[in-house]
Amino acid sequence: MADTAPFLVSTIIMCGRCGYVEVETMLTDACQFFYDCKSCGATLRLKPGHCCAFCS
């Protein structure tokens, strides 16, 4: 039997300010609308039409 659980790890592709890339575990009980870059502190926001920071 195959594991049908969703894959909840996402790569925040790139910080627009410094280019830093980070792997994070997605939330399962809420949407995350912002993400703070761990390198430079820039706040990454949703792109229009996206539901959470992981989709952007």
C-alpha atoms as a PDB file:
ATOM      1  CA  MET A   1       0.000   0.000   0.000  1.00  0.00           C
ATOM      2  CA  ALA A   2       1.427   3.373  -1.013  1.00  0.00           C
ATOM      3  CA  ASP A   3       1.798   6.227   1.464  1.00  0.00           C
ATOM      4  CA  THR A   4      -0.799   8.837   0.486  1.00  0.00           C
ATOM      5  CA  ALA A   5       0.141  11.504   3.056  1.00  0.00           C
ATOM      6  CA  PRO A   6       0.830  14.909   1.515  1.00  0.00           C
ATOM      7  CA  PHE A   7       4.438  16.029   1.124  1.00  0.00           C
ATOM      8  CA  LEU A   8       4.638  18.988   3.517  1.00  0.00           C
ATOM      9  CA  VAL A   9       8.178  20.230   2.955  1.00  0.00           C
ATOM     10  CA  SER A  10       8.562  23.210   0.678  1.00  0.00           C
ATOM     11  CA  THR A  11      11.569  25.125  -0.583  1.00  0.00           C
ATOM     12  CA  ILE A  12      11.209  28.855  -0.246  1.00  0.00           C
ATOM     13  CA  ILE A  13      12.752  29.348  -3.660  1.00  0.00           C
ATOM     14  CA  MET A  14      14.707  32.510  -3.057  1.00  0.00           C
ATOM     15  CA  CYS A  15      14.692  35.686  -1.026  1.00  0.00           C
ATOM     16  CA  GLY A  16      14.238  38.580  -3.433  1.00  0.00           C
ATOM     17  CA  ARG A  17      16.707  40.688  -1.481  1.00  0.00           C
ATOM     18  CA  CYS A  18      19.657  38.370  -0.779  1.00  0.00           C
ATOM     19  CA  GLY A  19      19.001  35.144  -2.723  1.00  0.00           C
ATOM     20  CA  TYR A  20      18.971  32.908   0.383  1.00  0.00           C
ATOM     21  CA  VAL A  21      17.141  29.557  -0.011  1.00  0.00           C
ATOM     22  CA  GLU A  22      15.533  27.729   2.926  1.00  0.00           C
ATOM     23  CA  VAL A  23      13.662  24.409   3.336  1.00  0.00           C
ATOM     24  CA  GLU A  24      10.687  24.607   5.748  1.00  0.00           C
ATOM     25  CA  THR A  25       7.845  22.332   6.873  1.00  0.00           C
ATOM     26  CA  MET A  26       4.446  23.613   5.785  1.00  0.00           C
ATOM     27  CA  LEU A  27       1.760  24.304   8.392  1.00  0.00           C
ATOM     28  CA  THR A  28      -1.207  21.920   8.269  1.00  0.00           C
ATOM     29  CA  ASP A  29      -3.635  23.900  10.434  1.00  0.00           C
ATOM     30  CA  ALA A  30      -3.231  27.480   9.163  1.00  0.00           C
ATOM     31  CA  CYS A  31      -2.003  29.588   6.247  1.00  0.00           C
ATOM     32  CA  GLN A  32       1.291  31.423   6.531  1.00  0.00           C
ATOM     33  CA  PHE A  33       0.909  34.815   4.845  1.00  0.00           C
ATOM     34  CA  PHE A  34       4.449  36.104   5.460  1.00  0.00           C
ATOM     35  CA  TYR A  35       7.894  34.573   5.724  1.00  0.00           C
ATOM     36  CA  ASP A  36      10.936  36.298   7.210  1.00  0.00           C
ATOM     37  CA  CYS A  37      14.232  35.516   5.485  1.00  0.00           C
ATOM     38  CA  LYS A  38      16.615  33.924   7.986  1.00  0.00           C
ATOM     39  CA  SER A  39      19.606  35.503   6.291  1.00  0.00           C
ATOM     40  CA  CYS A  40      18.735  39.183   5.781  1.00  0.00           C
ATOM     41  CA  GLY A  41      15.412  39.540   7.642  1.00  0.00           C
ATOM     42  CA  ALA A  42      13.370  40.645   4.600  1.00  0.00           C
ATOM     43  CA  THR A  43       9.655  39.824   4.840  1.00  0.00           C
ATOM     44  CA  LEU A  44       8.455  37.757   1.882  1.00  0.00           C
ATOM     45  CA  ARG A  45       4.767  38.288   1.101  1.00  0.00           C
ATOM     46  CA  LEU A  46       2.152  36.427  -0.933  1.00  0.00           C
ATOM     47  CA  LYS A  47       1.998  36.877  -4.681  1.00  0.00           C
ATOM     48  CA  PRO A  48      -1.466  37.869  -5.989  1.00  0.00           C
ATOM     49  CA  GLY A  49      -3.733  34.812  -6.216  1.00  0.00           C
ATOM     50  CA  HIS A  50      -1.637  32.614  -3.916  1.00  0.00           C
ATOM     51  CA  CYS A  51      -2.987  31.169  -0.661  1.00  0.00           C
ATOM     52  CA  CYS A  52       0.157  31.052   1.501  1.00  0.00           C
ATOM     53  CA  ALA A  53       3.878  31.820   1.576  1.00  0.00           C
ATOM     54  CA  PHE A  54       4.675  28.258   0.507  1.00  0.00           C
ATOM     55  CA  CYS A  55       2.620  28.635  -2.674  1.00  0.00           C
ATOM     56  CA  SER A  56       4.344  31.896  -3.532  1.00  0.00           C
END
